[in-house]
N, C-alpha and C. Protein backbone atom coordinates (compact mmCIF):
# COMPACT_ATOMS: atom_id res chain seq x y z
N UNK A 1 0.83 -1.20 0.00
CA UNK A 1 0.00 0.00 0.00
C UNK A 1 0.87 1.26 0.00
N UNK A 2 0.38 2.28 -0.69
CA UNK A 2 1.04 3.58 -0.71
C UNK A 2 0.02 4.62 -0.28
N UNK A 3 0.39 5.48 0.63
CA UNK A 3 -0.53 6.54 1.07
C UNK A 3 -0.78 7.49 -0.09
N UNK A 4 -2.05 7.84 -0.28
CA UNK A 4 -2.38 8.76 -1.37
C UNK A 4 -1.74 10.11 -1.13
N UNK A 5 -0.97 10.55 -2.12
CA UNK A 5 -0.27 11.83 -2.04
C UNK A 5 -0.07 12.34 -3.47
N UNK A 6 -0.73 13.43 -3.85
CA UNK A 6 -0.60 13.94 -5.22
C UNK A 6 0.84 14.20 -5.64
N UNK A 7 1.70 14.56 -4.69
CA UNK A 7 3.10 14.84 -5.04
C UNK A 7 3.82 13.56 -5.48
N UNK A 8 3.46 12.43 -4.87
CA UNK A 8 4.06 11.15 -5.25
C UNK A 8 3.56 10.74 -6.63
N UNK A 9 2.27 10.99 -6.89
CA UNK A 9 1.70 10.68 -8.20
C UNK A 9 2.37 11.53 -9.27
N UNK A 10 2.60 12.79 -8.94
CA UNK A 10 3.28 13.70 -9.87
C UNK A 10 4.69 13.19 -10.19
N UNK A 11 5.34 12.67 -9.20
CA UNK A 11 6.71 12.20 -9.37
C UNK A 11 6.80 10.89 -10.15
N UNK A 12 5.90 9.95 -9.83
CA UNK A 12 6.04 8.60 -10.39
C UNK A 12 5.16 8.34 -11.63
N UNK A 13 3.97 8.92 -11.65
CA UNK A 13 3.02 8.60 -12.72
C UNK A 13 2.97 9.66 -13.80
N UNK A 14 3.09 10.93 -13.41
CA UNK A 14 2.95 12.03 -14.36
C UNK A 14 3.86 11.92 -15.59
N UNK A 15 5.11 11.44 -15.44
CA UNK A 15 5.97 11.33 -16.63
C UNK A 15 5.39 10.44 -17.72
N UNK A 16 4.40 9.61 -17.37
CA UNK A 16 3.83 8.68 -18.35
C UNK A 16 2.43 9.10 -18.82
N UNK A 17 1.95 10.26 -18.36
CA UNK A 17 0.59 10.69 -18.71
C UNK A 17 0.39 10.73 -20.22
N UNK A 18 1.30 11.34 -20.92
CA UNK A 18 1.11 11.50 -22.37
C UNK A 18 1.01 10.15 -23.07
N UNK A 19 1.92 9.24 -22.75
CA UNK A 19 1.90 7.94 -23.43
C UNK A 19 0.66 7.14 -23.06
N UNK A 20 0.25 7.22 -21.80
CA UNK A 20 -0.95 6.48 -21.38
C UNK A 20 -2.19 7.03 -22.07
N UNK A 21 -2.31 8.36 -22.14
CA UNK A 21 -3.49 8.95 -22.78
C UNK A 21 -3.50 8.62 -24.27
N UNK A 22 -2.33 8.56 -24.90
CA UNK A 22 -2.27 8.19 -26.31
C UNK A 22 -2.69 6.73 -26.51
N UNK A 23 -2.35 5.88 -25.55
CA UNK A 23 -2.75 4.47 -25.61
C UNK A 23 -4.27 4.34 -25.51
N UNK A 24 -4.88 5.10 -24.58
CA UNK A 24 -6.34 5.06 -24.43
C UNK A 24 -7.02 5.56 -25.70
N UNK A 25 -6.50 6.64 -26.27
CA UNK A 25 -7.08 7.17 -27.51
C UNK A 25 -6.94 6.18 -28.66
N UNK A 26 -5.78 5.55 -28.75
CA UNK A 26 -5.54 4.57 -29.81
C UNK A 26 -6.46 3.37 -29.66
N UNK A 27 -6.65 2.91 -28.41
CA UNK A 27 -7.54 1.78 -28.16
C UNK A 27 -8.97 2.12 -28.54
N UNK A 28 -9.39 3.35 -28.22
CA UNK A 28 -10.75 3.76 -28.56
C UNK A 28 -10.92 3.85 -30.08
N UNK A 29 -9.91 4.38 -30.76
CA UNK A 29 -9.98 4.46 -32.23
C UNK A 29 -10.05 3.07 -32.86
N UNK A 30 -9.29 2.13 -32.30
CA UNK A 30 -9.34 0.75 -32.80
C UNK A 30 -10.72 0.15 -32.57
N UNK A 31 -11.28 0.43 -31.40
CA UNK A 31 -12.61 -0.10 -31.09
C UNK A 31 -13.65 0.44 -32.07
N UNK A 32 -13.53 1.72 -32.41
CA UNK A 32 -14.49 2.33 -33.33
C UNK A 32 -14.47 1.68 -34.71
N UNK A 33 -13.35 1.06 -35.06
CA UNK A 33 -13.22 0.45 -36.39
C UNK A 33 -13.80 -0.96 -36.45
N UNK A 34 -14.16 -1.51 -35.29
CA UNK A 34 -14.70 -2.88 -35.26
C UNK A 34 -16.17 -2.84 -35.60
N UNK A 35 -16.57 -3.48 -36.70
CA UNK A 35 -17.99 -3.47 -37.07
C UNK A 35 -18.81 -4.38 -36.16
N UNK A 36 -20.00 -3.97 -35.86
CA UNK A 36 -20.90 -4.82 -35.07
C UNK A 36 -21.35 -6.00 -35.93
N UNK A 37 -21.53 -7.15 -35.29
CA UNK A 37 -21.94 -8.35 -36.01
C UNK A 37 -23.40 -8.24 -36.44
N UNK A 38 -23.64 -8.41 -37.73
CA UNK A 38 -25.00 -8.36 -38.29
C UNK A 38 -25.72 -7.06 -37.93
N UNK A 39 -24.95 -6.00 -37.80
CA UNK A 39 -25.57 -4.69 -37.54
C UNK A 39 -26.03 -4.50 -36.11
N UNK A 40 -25.69 -5.42 -35.21
CA UNK A 40 -26.10 -5.29 -33.80
C UNK A 40 -25.00 -4.58 -33.03
N UNK A 41 -25.33 -3.49 -32.38
CA UNK A 41 -24.33 -2.73 -31.64
C UNK A 41 -23.90 -3.47 -30.38
N UNK A 42 -22.64 -3.25 -29.97
CA UNK A 42 -22.15 -3.84 -28.73
C UNK A 42 -22.84 -3.19 -27.54
N UNK A 43 -23.14 -4.02 -26.52
CA UNK A 43 -23.67 -3.43 -25.31
C UNK A 43 -22.52 -2.95 -24.44
N UNK A 44 -22.84 -2.34 -23.30
CA UNK A 44 -21.80 -1.77 -22.46
C UNK A 44 -20.79 -2.79 -21.98
N UNK A 45 -21.25 -3.99 -21.63
CA UNK A 45 -20.35 -5.02 -21.11
C UNK A 45 -19.35 -5.46 -22.18
N UNK A 46 -19.84 -5.71 -23.39
CA UNK A 46 -18.96 -6.14 -24.48
C UNK A 46 -17.94 -5.06 -24.82
N UNK A 47 -18.39 -3.83 -24.86
CA UNK A 47 -17.48 -2.74 -25.21
C UNK A 47 -16.42 -2.54 -24.13
N UNK A 48 -16.79 -2.74 -22.86
CA UNK A 48 -15.83 -2.60 -21.77
C UNK A 48 -14.70 -3.63 -21.93
N UNK A 49 -15.08 -4.86 -22.25
CA UNK A 49 -14.08 -5.91 -22.41
C UNK A 49 -13.16 -5.62 -23.60
N UNK A 50 -13.74 -5.19 -24.69
CA UNK A 50 -12.94 -4.90 -25.88
C UNK A 50 -11.95 -3.77 -25.59
N UNK A 51 -12.42 -2.71 -24.96
CA UNK A 51 -11.54 -1.59 -24.63
C UNK A 51 -10.42 -2.03 -23.68
N UNK A 52 -10.76 -2.81 -22.66
CA UNK A 52 -9.75 -3.27 -21.71
C UNK A 52 -8.69 -4.12 -22.39
N UNK A 53 -9.12 -5.02 -23.26
CA UNK A 53 -8.17 -5.90 -23.96
C UNK A 53 -7.22 -5.08 -24.84
N UNK A 54 -7.75 -4.10 -25.51
CA UNK A 54 -6.92 -3.27 -26.39
C UNK A 54 -5.96 -2.40 -25.58
N UNK A 55 -6.44 -1.84 -24.47
CA UNK A 55 -5.57 -1.03 -23.62
C UNK A 55 -4.44 -1.89 -23.04
N UNK A 56 -4.79 -3.07 -22.56
CA UNK A 56 -3.79 -3.96 -21.98
C UNK A 56 -2.74 -4.35 -23.02
N UNK A 57 -3.18 -4.67 -24.23
CA UNK A 57 -2.24 -5.06 -25.29
C UNK A 57 -1.28 -3.92 -25.62
N UNK A 58 -1.80 -2.71 -25.71
CA UNK A 58 -0.96 -1.57 -26.06
C UNK A 58 -0.03 -1.19 -24.90
N UNK A 59 -0.50 -1.33 -23.67
CA UNK A 59 0.35 -1.06 -22.51
C UNK A 59 1.53 -2.02 -22.46
N UNK A 60 1.29 -3.28 -22.82
CA UNK A 60 2.36 -4.29 -22.76
C UNK A 60 3.51 -3.96 -23.72
N UNK A 61 3.24 -3.10 -24.71
CA UNK A 61 4.26 -2.72 -25.69
C UNK A 61 4.82 -1.32 -25.43
N UNK A 62 4.34 -0.68 -24.37
CA UNK A 62 4.79 0.68 -24.06
C UNK A 62 6.22 0.67 -23.52
N UNK A 63 6.96 1.70 -23.82
CA UNK A 63 8.37 1.78 -23.41
C UNK A 63 8.54 1.67 -21.91
N UNK A 64 7.70 2.38 -21.14
CA UNK A 64 7.89 2.40 -19.69
C UNK A 64 7.56 1.06 -19.04
N UNK A 65 6.83 0.20 -19.75
CA UNK A 65 6.58 -1.17 -19.26
C UNK A 65 7.73 -2.09 -19.69
N UNK A 66 8.15 -1.97 -20.93
CA UNK A 66 9.23 -2.82 -21.44
C UNK A 66 10.55 -2.57 -20.72
N UNK A 67 10.78 -1.32 -20.29
CA UNK A 67 12.05 -1.04 -19.62
C UNK A 67 12.01 -1.29 -18.10
N UNK A 68 10.88 -1.82 -17.61
CA UNK A 68 10.80 -2.22 -16.21
C UNK A 68 10.33 -1.17 -15.24
N UNK A 69 9.93 0.01 -15.74
CA UNK A 69 9.43 1.05 -14.84
C UNK A 69 7.99 0.80 -14.40
N UNK A 70 7.33 -0.11 -15.06
CA UNK A 70 5.94 -0.45 -14.71
C UNK A 70 5.68 -1.89 -15.11
N UNK A 71 4.63 -2.45 -14.55
CA UNK A 71 4.26 -3.82 -14.87
C UNK A 71 2.74 -3.95 -14.95
N UNK A 72 2.29 -4.96 -15.67
CA UNK A 72 0.87 -5.25 -15.78
C UNK A 72 0.58 -6.48 -14.92
N UNK A 73 -0.28 -6.32 -13.94
CA UNK A 73 -0.55 -7.40 -12.99
C UNK A 73 -1.98 -7.90 -13.14
N UNK A 74 -2.18 -9.21 -13.17
CA UNK A 74 -3.54 -9.74 -13.22
C UNK A 74 -4.29 -9.43 -11.94
N UNK A 75 -5.55 -9.10 -12.08
CA UNK A 75 -6.39 -8.84 -10.93
C UNK A 75 -7.76 -9.42 -11.21
N UNK A 76 -8.03 -10.59 -10.63
CA UNK A 76 -9.21 -11.38 -10.96
C UNK A 76 -9.24 -11.58 -12.48
N UNK A 77 -10.27 -11.15 -13.16
CA UNK A 77 -10.34 -11.36 -14.61
C UNK A 77 -9.88 -10.15 -15.41
N UNK A 78 -9.39 -9.14 -14.72
CA UNK A 78 -8.90 -7.95 -15.41
C UNK A 78 -7.44 -7.73 -15.06
N UNK A 79 -6.98 -6.49 -15.03
CA UNK A 79 -5.57 -6.22 -14.73
C UNK A 79 -5.43 -4.86 -14.06
N UNK A 80 -4.29 -4.65 -13.44
CA UNK A 80 -3.92 -3.35 -12.90
C UNK A 80 -2.55 -2.99 -13.45
N UNK A 81 -2.34 -1.71 -13.72
CA UNK A 81 -1.04 -1.22 -14.09
C UNK A 81 -0.33 -0.80 -12.81
N UNK A 82 0.88 -1.32 -12.60
CA UNK A 82 1.64 -1.02 -11.39
C UNK A 82 2.85 -0.16 -11.78
N UNK A 83 2.82 1.11 -11.40
CA UNK A 83 3.94 2.01 -11.67
C UNK A 83 4.63 2.30 -10.34
N UNK A 84 5.73 1.62 -10.11
CA UNK A 84 6.52 1.80 -8.88
C UNK A 84 5.66 1.69 -7.63
N UNK A 85 4.81 0.68 -7.61
CA UNK A 85 3.98 0.41 -6.44
C UNK A 85 2.64 1.10 -6.44
N UNK A 86 2.40 1.97 -7.40
CA UNK A 86 1.10 2.65 -7.49
C UNK A 86 0.20 1.86 -8.43
N UNK A 87 -0.91 1.36 -7.90
CA UNK A 87 -1.84 0.53 -8.66
C UNK A 87 -2.84 1.42 -9.41
N UNK A 88 -3.05 1.08 -10.68
CA UNK A 88 -3.94 1.88 -11.52
C UNK A 88 -4.86 0.97 -12.30
N UNK A 89 -6.17 1.26 -12.24
CA UNK A 89 -7.15 0.53 -13.05
C UNK A 89 -7.57 1.41 -14.22
N UNK A 90 -8.29 0.80 -15.16
CA UNK A 90 -8.77 1.54 -16.33
C UNK A 90 -10.28 1.35 -16.45
N UNK A 91 -11.01 2.44 -16.55
CA UNK A 91 -12.47 2.39 -16.61
C UNK A 91 -13.02 3.56 -17.40
N UNK A 92 -14.27 3.41 -17.83
CA UNK A 92 -14.98 4.56 -18.35
C UNK A 92 -15.57 5.30 -17.16
N UNK A 93 -15.59 6.63 -17.23
CA UNK A 93 -16.14 7.46 -16.16
C UNK A 93 -17.45 8.09 -16.61
N UNK A 94 -18.28 8.42 -15.63
CA UNK A 94 -19.49 9.16 -15.97
C UNK A 94 -19.16 10.65 -16.02
N UNK A 95 -20.16 11.48 -16.20
CA UNK A 95 -19.92 12.91 -16.35
C UNK A 95 -19.37 13.55 -15.08
N UNK A 96 -19.51 12.86 -13.93
CA UNK A 96 -18.96 13.36 -12.67
C UNK A 96 -17.59 12.77 -12.38
N UNK A 97 -17.00 12.12 -13.41
CA UNK A 97 -15.67 11.51 -13.30
C UNK A 97 -15.67 10.39 -12.26
N UNK A 98 -16.79 9.72 -12.14
CA UNK A 98 -16.95 8.69 -11.13
C UNK A 98 -17.22 7.34 -11.78
N UNK A 99 -16.63 6.29 -11.22
CA UNK A 99 -16.91 4.93 -11.68
C UNK A 99 -18.30 4.55 -11.17
N UNK A 100 -19.05 3.86 -11.99
CA UNK A 100 -20.43 3.54 -11.61
C UNK A 100 -20.61 2.04 -11.51
N UNK A 101 -21.58 1.63 -10.71
CA UNK A 101 -21.84 0.20 -10.52
C UNK A 101 -22.95 -0.31 -11.43
N UNK A 102 -23.51 0.55 -12.26
CA UNK A 102 -24.65 0.17 -13.10
C UNK A 102 -24.16 -0.21 -14.50
N UNK A 103 -23.98 -1.52 -14.77
CA UNK A 103 -23.53 -1.97 -16.08
C UNK A 103 -24.69 -2.16 -17.04
N UNK A 104 -25.92 -2.03 -16.54
CA UNK A 104 -27.05 -2.16 -17.46
C UNK A 104 -27.17 -0.95 -18.36
N UNK A 105 -26.58 0.17 -17.91
CA UNK A 105 -26.60 1.40 -18.70
C UNK A 105 -25.41 1.37 -19.65
N UNK A 106 -25.70 1.31 -20.92
CA UNK A 106 -24.65 1.19 -21.93
C UNK A 106 -23.67 2.35 -21.88
N UNK A 107 -24.15 3.54 -21.53
CA UNK A 107 -23.27 4.70 -21.55
C UNK A 107 -22.23 4.66 -20.43
N UNK A 108 -22.47 3.84 -19.39
CA UNK A 108 -21.52 3.79 -18.29
C UNK A 108 -20.32 2.89 -18.63
N UNK A 109 -20.56 1.76 -19.26
CA UNK A 109 -19.53 0.89 -19.78
C UNK A 109 -18.41 0.68 -18.76
N UNK A 110 -18.74 0.16 -17.60
CA UNK A 110 -17.78 0.14 -16.52
C UNK A 110 -17.73 -1.25 -15.86
N UNK A 111 -17.50 -2.26 -16.64
CA UNK A 111 -17.53 -3.63 -16.15
C UNK A 111 -16.52 -3.92 -15.04
N UNK A 112 -15.26 -3.53 -15.18
CA UNK A 112 -14.26 -3.96 -14.21
C UNK A 112 -14.58 -3.52 -12.79
N UNK A 113 -14.99 -2.27 -12.61
CA UNK A 113 -15.22 -1.77 -11.26
C UNK A 113 -16.46 -2.39 -10.64
N UNK A 114 -17.50 -2.55 -11.43
CA UNK A 114 -18.78 -2.95 -10.86
C UNK A 114 -18.88 -4.45 -10.59
N UNK A 115 -18.20 -5.27 -11.38
CA UNK A 115 -18.33 -6.71 -11.22
C UNK A 115 -17.08 -7.35 -10.65
N UNK A 116 -15.92 -6.98 -11.20
CA UNK A 116 -14.70 -7.68 -10.86
C UNK A 116 -14.08 -7.13 -9.58
N UNK A 117 -14.08 -5.83 -9.41
CA UNK A 117 -13.51 -5.26 -8.20
C UNK A 117 -14.54 -5.29 -7.07
N UNK A 118 -14.15 -4.77 -5.94
CA UNK A 118 -15.05 -4.78 -4.79
C UNK A 118 -16.23 -3.86 -5.04
N UNK A 119 -17.38 -4.15 -4.42
CA UNK A 119 -18.54 -3.27 -4.61
C UNK A 119 -18.29 -1.89 -4.04
N UNK A 120 -19.11 -0.93 -4.48
CA UNK A 120 -18.97 0.43 -3.97
C UNK A 120 -19.20 0.45 -2.47
N UNK A 121 -18.39 1.22 -1.76
CA UNK A 121 -18.57 1.35 -0.32
C UNK A 121 -19.68 2.35 -0.05
N UNK A 122 -20.37 2.16 1.07
CA UNK A 122 -21.45 3.08 1.43
C UNK A 122 -20.89 4.37 2.00
N UNK A 123 -19.64 4.36 2.42
CA UNK A 123 -19.02 5.56 2.99
C UNK A 123 -17.55 5.57 2.62
N UNK A 124 -16.97 6.76 2.55
CA UNK A 124 -15.53 6.83 2.28
C UNK A 124 -14.71 6.51 3.52
N UNK A 125 -15.36 6.31 4.64
CA UNK A 125 -14.65 5.89 5.85
C UNK A 125 -14.42 4.38 5.77
N UNK A 126 -13.48 3.97 4.93
CA UNK A 126 -13.21 2.55 4.73
C UNK A 126 -11.95 2.17 5.47
N UNK A 127 -11.75 0.88 5.61
CA UNK A 127 -10.63 0.40 6.39
C UNK A 127 -9.29 0.72 5.75
N UNK A 128 -9.29 0.98 4.44
CA UNK A 128 -8.03 1.25 3.76
C UNK A 128 -7.59 2.70 3.93
N UNK A 129 -8.45 3.55 4.46
CA UNK A 129 -8.10 4.94 4.60
C UNK A 129 -7.81 5.56 3.25
N UNK A 130 -6.82 6.43 3.19
CA UNK A 130 -6.43 7.05 1.92
C UNK A 130 -5.23 6.32 1.35
N UNK A 131 -5.37 5.02 1.14
CA UNK A 131 -4.30 4.20 0.61
C UNK A 131 -4.56 3.84 -0.85
N UNK A 132 -3.49 3.81 -1.63
CA UNK A 132 -3.60 3.32 -3.01
C UNK A 132 -3.19 1.85 -3.00
N UNK A 133 -4.13 0.98 -3.33
CA UNK A 133 -3.86 -0.46 -3.30
C UNK A 133 -4.78 -1.14 -4.30
N UNK A 134 -4.79 -2.45 -4.33
CA UNK A 134 -5.64 -3.18 -5.28
C UNK A 134 -7.11 -2.87 -5.07
N UNK A 135 -7.51 -2.73 -3.81
CA UNK A 135 -8.92 -2.48 -3.52
C UNK A 135 -9.33 -1.03 -3.78
N UNK A 136 -8.40 -0.10 -3.66
CA UNK A 136 -8.68 1.32 -3.91
C UNK A 136 -7.57 1.91 -4.78
N UNK A 137 -7.51 1.48 -6.04
CA UNK A 137 -6.45 1.98 -6.92
C UNK A 137 -6.78 3.36 -7.48
N UNK A 138 -5.78 3.96 -8.09
CA UNK A 138 -6.06 5.12 -8.94
C UNK A 138 -6.78 4.60 -10.17
N UNK A 139 -7.39 5.49 -10.92
CA UNK A 139 -8.08 5.09 -12.15
C UNK A 139 -7.69 6.00 -13.29
N UNK A 140 -7.31 5.41 -14.40
CA UNK A 140 -7.21 6.16 -15.65
C UNK A 140 -8.57 5.98 -16.32
N UNK A 141 -9.32 7.04 -16.45
CA UNK A 141 -10.68 6.94 -16.98
C UNK A 141 -10.90 7.86 -18.16
N UNK A 142 -11.81 7.45 -19.01
CA UNK A 142 -12.15 8.26 -20.18
C UNK A 142 -13.63 8.58 -20.17
N UNK A 143 -13.96 9.78 -20.62
CA UNK A 143 -15.34 10.23 -20.71
C UNK A 143 -15.69 10.41 -22.17
N UNK A 144 -16.86 9.91 -22.56
CA UNK A 144 -17.31 10.07 -23.94
C UNK A 144 -18.10 11.37 -24.09
N UNK A 145 -18.15 11.87 -25.31
CA UNK A 145 -18.95 13.06 -25.55
C UNK A 145 -20.42 12.67 -25.61
N UNK A 146 -21.29 13.64 -25.83
CA UNK A 146 -22.73 13.37 -25.79
C UNK A 146 -23.18 12.41 -26.88
N UNK A 147 -22.44 12.34 -27.97
CA UNK A 147 -22.82 11.42 -29.06
C UNK A 147 -22.36 10.00 -28.78
N UNK A 148 -21.49 9.81 -27.76
CA UNK A 148 -20.93 8.50 -27.40
C UNK A 148 -20.03 7.93 -28.50
N UNK A 149 -19.59 8.77 -29.42
CA UNK A 149 -18.76 8.30 -30.52
C UNK A 149 -17.37 8.92 -30.51
N UNK A 150 -17.06 9.74 -29.51
CA UNK A 150 -15.75 10.38 -29.44
C UNK A 150 -15.39 10.62 -27.97
N UNK A 151 -14.10 10.73 -27.71
CA UNK A 151 -13.65 10.99 -26.35
C UNK A 151 -13.77 12.47 -26.01
N UNK A 152 -14.25 12.74 -24.82
CA UNK A 152 -14.36 14.12 -24.35
C UNK A 152 -13.23 14.47 -23.40
N UNK A 153 -12.51 13.48 -22.91
CA UNK A 153 -11.40 13.74 -22.00
C UNK A 153 -10.90 12.47 -21.33
N UNK A 154 -9.64 12.49 -20.91
CA UNK A 154 -9.03 11.37 -20.20
C UNK A 154 -8.49 11.90 -18.88
N UNK A 155 -8.81 11.21 -17.78
CA UNK A 155 -8.47 11.69 -16.45
C UNK A 155 -7.80 10.61 -15.63
N UNK A 156 -7.04 11.04 -14.63
CA UNK A 156 -6.60 10.13 -13.58
C UNK A 156 -7.36 10.55 -12.33
N UNK A 157 -7.96 9.59 -11.64
CA UNK A 157 -8.81 9.91 -10.49
C UNK A 157 -8.46 9.03 -9.29
N UNK A 158 -8.89 9.49 -8.14
CA UNK A 158 -8.80 8.67 -6.92
C UNK A 158 -10.15 8.70 -6.27
N UNK A 159 -10.80 7.55 -6.23
CA UNK A 159 -12.17 7.46 -5.73
C UNK A 159 -12.23 6.53 -4.52
N UNK A 160 -12.88 7.00 -3.46
CA UNK A 160 -13.16 6.18 -2.29
C UNK A 160 -14.67 6.13 -2.12
N UNK A 161 -15.21 4.92 -2.09
CA UNK A 161 -16.66 4.81 -2.04
C UNK A 161 -17.26 5.44 -3.28
N UNK A 162 -18.20 6.32 -3.09
CA UNK A 162 -18.83 7.01 -4.21
C UNK A 162 -18.28 8.42 -4.38
N UNK A 163 -17.20 8.72 -3.66
CA UNK A 163 -16.64 10.07 -3.70
C UNK A 163 -15.34 10.10 -4.48
N UNK A 164 -15.27 10.96 -5.48
CA UNK A 164 -14.02 11.19 -6.20
C UNK A 164 -13.26 12.24 -5.40
N UNK A 165 -12.21 11.82 -4.72
CA UNK A 165 -11.48 12.71 -3.82
C UNK A 165 -10.48 13.59 -4.57
N UNK A 166 -10.08 13.13 -5.76
CA UNK A 166 -9.05 13.88 -6.50
C UNK A 166 -9.11 13.45 -7.96
N UNK A 167 -8.89 14.39 -8.87
CA UNK A 167 -8.79 14.03 -10.28
C UNK A 167 -7.95 15.06 -11.01
N UNK A 168 -7.42 14.64 -12.16
CA UNK A 168 -6.59 15.51 -12.98
C UNK A 168 -6.73 15.08 -14.43
N UNK A 169 -6.94 16.03 -15.31
CA UNK A 169 -7.02 15.70 -16.74
C UNK A 169 -5.61 15.51 -17.28
N UNK A 170 -5.40 14.43 -18.05
CA UNK A 170 -4.04 14.11 -18.50
C UNK A 170 -3.89 14.13 -20.01
N UNK A 171 -4.96 14.35 -20.75
CA UNK A 171 -4.85 14.39 -22.20
C UNK A 171 -4.63 15.83 -22.66
N UNK A 172 -4.40 15.98 -23.93
CA UNK A 172 -4.23 17.31 -24.52
C UNK A 172 -5.60 17.95 -24.65
N UNK A 173 -5.87 18.94 -23.82
CA UNK A 173 -7.21 19.56 -23.79
C UNK A 173 -7.65 20.06 -25.16
N UNK A 174 -6.75 20.69 -25.89
CA UNK A 174 -7.12 21.28 -27.16
C UNK A 174 -7.59 20.23 -28.16
N UNK A 175 -7.02 19.03 -28.09
CA UNK A 175 -7.36 18.01 -29.06
C UNK A 175 -8.81 17.55 -28.92
N UNK A 176 -9.33 17.60 -27.70
CA UNK A 176 -10.68 17.11 -27.46
C UNK A 176 -11.71 18.23 -27.35
N UNK A 177 -11.25 19.47 -27.33
CA UNK A 177 -12.17 20.58 -27.15
C UNK A 177 -12.83 20.94 -28.47
N UNK A 178 -14.14 20.88 -28.49
CA UNK A 178 -14.87 21.22 -29.72
C UNK A 178 -15.01 22.73 -29.81
N UNK A 179 -14.36 23.32 -30.78
CA UNK A 179 -14.43 24.77 -30.97
C UNK A 179 -15.31 25.06 -32.17
N UNK A 180 -16.47 25.69 -31.98
CA UNK A 180 -17.36 25.96 -33.11
C UNK A 180 -16.69 26.86 -34.14
N UNK A 181 -16.93 26.54 -35.39
CA UNK A 181 -16.32 27.32 -36.48
C UNK A 181 -17.14 28.57 -36.73
N UNK A 182 -16.50 29.71 -36.66
CA UNK A 182 -17.16 30.99 -36.91
C UNK A 182 -16.45 31.69 -38.06
N UNK A 183 -16.99 31.60 -39.26
CA UNK A 183 -16.32 32.23 -40.40
C UNK A 183 -16.25 33.74 -40.23
N UNK A 184 -15.11 34.29 -40.64
CA UNK A 184 -14.94 35.75 -40.56
C UNK A 184 -15.63 36.39 -41.76
N UNK A 185 -16.59 37.29 -41.53
CA UNK A 185 -17.31 37.90 -42.66
C UNK A 185 -16.36 38.74 -43.50
N UNK A 186 -16.50 38.71 -44.84
CA UNK A 186 -15.61 39.50 -45.71
C UNK A 186 -15.88 40.99 -45.51
N UNK A 187 -14.81 41.76 -45.72
CA UNK A 187 -14.96 43.21 -45.59
C UNK A 187 -15.84 43.74 -46.71
N UNK A 188 -16.79 44.57 -46.34
CA UNK A 188 -17.70 45.13 -47.33
C UNK A 188 -17.01 46.28 -48.07
N UNK A 189 -17.04 46.18 -49.38
CA UNK A 189 -16.47 47.27 -50.18
C UNK A 189 -17.48 48.40 -50.27
N UNK A 190 -17.02 49.65 -50.40
CA UNK A 190 -17.95 50.79 -50.49
C UNK A 190 -18.92 50.61 -51.64
N UNK A 191 -20.17 50.92 -51.40
CA UNK A 191 -21.18 50.75 -52.45
C UNK A 191 -20.98 51.79 -53.55
N UNK A 192 -21.53 51.52 -54.72
CA UNK A 192 -21.43 52.44 -55.85
C UNK A 192 -22.06 53.80 -55.54
N UNK A 193 -23.14 53.75 -54.73
CA UNK A 193 -23.83 54.98 -54.38
C UNK A 193 -22.91 55.92 -53.61
N UNK A 194 -22.14 55.32 -52.66
CA UNK A 194 -21.24 56.13 -51.85
C UNK A 194 -20.13 56.72 -52.73
N UNK A 195 -19.65 55.89 -53.68
CA UNK A 195 -18.60 56.38 -54.57
C UNK A 195 -19.10 57.54 -55.43
N UNK A 196 -20.33 57.39 -55.98
CA UNK A 196 -20.91 58.44 -56.83
C UNK A 196 -21.09 59.72 -56.03
N UNK A 197 -21.60 59.57 -54.76
CA UNK A 197 -21.82 60.73 -53.93
C UNK A 197 -20.50 61.44 -53.62
N UNK A 198 -19.46 60.63 -53.35
CA UNK A 198 -18.16 61.22 -53.03
C UNK A 198 -17.62 62.00 -54.22
N UNK A 199 -17.75 61.43 -55.43
CA UNK A 199 -17.27 62.12 -56.62
C UNK A 199 -18.08 63.40 -56.88
N UNK A 200 -19.39 63.32 -56.67
CA UNK A 200 -20.26 64.48 -56.88
C UNK A 200 -19.89 65.61 -55.93
N UNK A 201 -19.65 65.26 -54.64
CA UNK A 201 -19.29 66.26 -53.66
C UNK A 201 -17.95 66.90 -54.00
N UNK A 202 -17.00 66.07 -54.52
CA UNK A 202 -15.70 66.60 -54.89
C UNK A 202 -15.82 67.60 -56.05
N UNK A 203 -16.66 67.24 -57.05
CA UNK A 203 -16.87 68.13 -58.20
C UNK A 203 -17.51 69.44 -57.75
N UNK A 204 -18.49 69.34 -56.82
CA UNK A 204 -19.18 70.53 -56.33
C UNK A 204 -18.21 71.47 -55.65
N UNK A 205 -17.33 70.89 -54.80
CA UNK A 205 -16.34 71.71 -54.12
C UNK A 205 -15.41 72.39 -55.11
N UNK A 206 -15.02 71.66 -56.16
CA UNK A 206 -14.12 72.23 -57.17
C UNK A 206 -14.77 73.38 -57.90
N UNK A 207 -16.04 73.22 -58.25
CA UNK A 207 -16.78 74.28 -58.97
C UNK A 207 -16.93 75.53 -58.11
N UNK A 208 -17.19 75.34 -56.81
CA UNK A 208 -17.33 76.47 -55.90
C UNK A 208 -16.03 77.25 -55.81
N UNK A 209 -14.92 76.53 -55.75
CA UNK A 209 -13.61 77.19 -55.67
C UNK A 209 -13.34 78.00 -56.94
N UNK A 210 -13.68 77.44 -58.10
CA UNK A 210 -13.48 78.15 -59.38
C UNK A 210 -14.33 79.43 -59.44
N UNK A 211 -15.59 79.34 -58.96
CA UNK A 211 -16.45 80.52 -58.98
C UNK A 211 -15.88 81.62 -58.10
N UNK A 212 -15.33 81.26 -56.94
CA UNK A 212 -14.76 82.23 -56.04
C UNK A 212 -13.58 82.92 -56.67
N UNK A 213 -12.82 82.17 -57.47
CA UNK A 213 -11.65 82.74 -58.13
C UNK A 213 -12.08 83.74 -59.20
């Protein structure tokens, strides 16, 4: 067990944020390319398994795992990423960045936490305290956009019971931020009427000056 401390996470896990977020994005892109059988869409449970398998496969080929800075450990029927003693699970998060126990809802897609790991605690006053361990690991989680077809963000979180005690976004914010396109209107050229009036006024002024002379 390691006592939860953001400074330790910054020291040990933060150097790998970019590569981990790229792995999650790549796994999601691969999942999107898998056609549903006979036009039937995957339910939340099937999609959770597919995403986990793809994330695990890509993690096993990551530099920080191959060079011994991290390891992939089996945990019941799923796995945990162990970075220098810090245990990390992978799940889809809801809009509150929280892991949910409801796998019947396709949008939650959170099989590992709800079935394989321990059930949600009724209170954050648990026996593990603020410890990072197999029972209360950190989570690398992804949130889908409203269409459920694209990622809206990737986060690392620490959840005890139903309370997310800490979270941090680890992906490139700009890449996932939808910025509405606002075309710049073209500059309006002076109308012919204005040009004619300007020329007329200039001629009038010239004629007045000649008369005075």
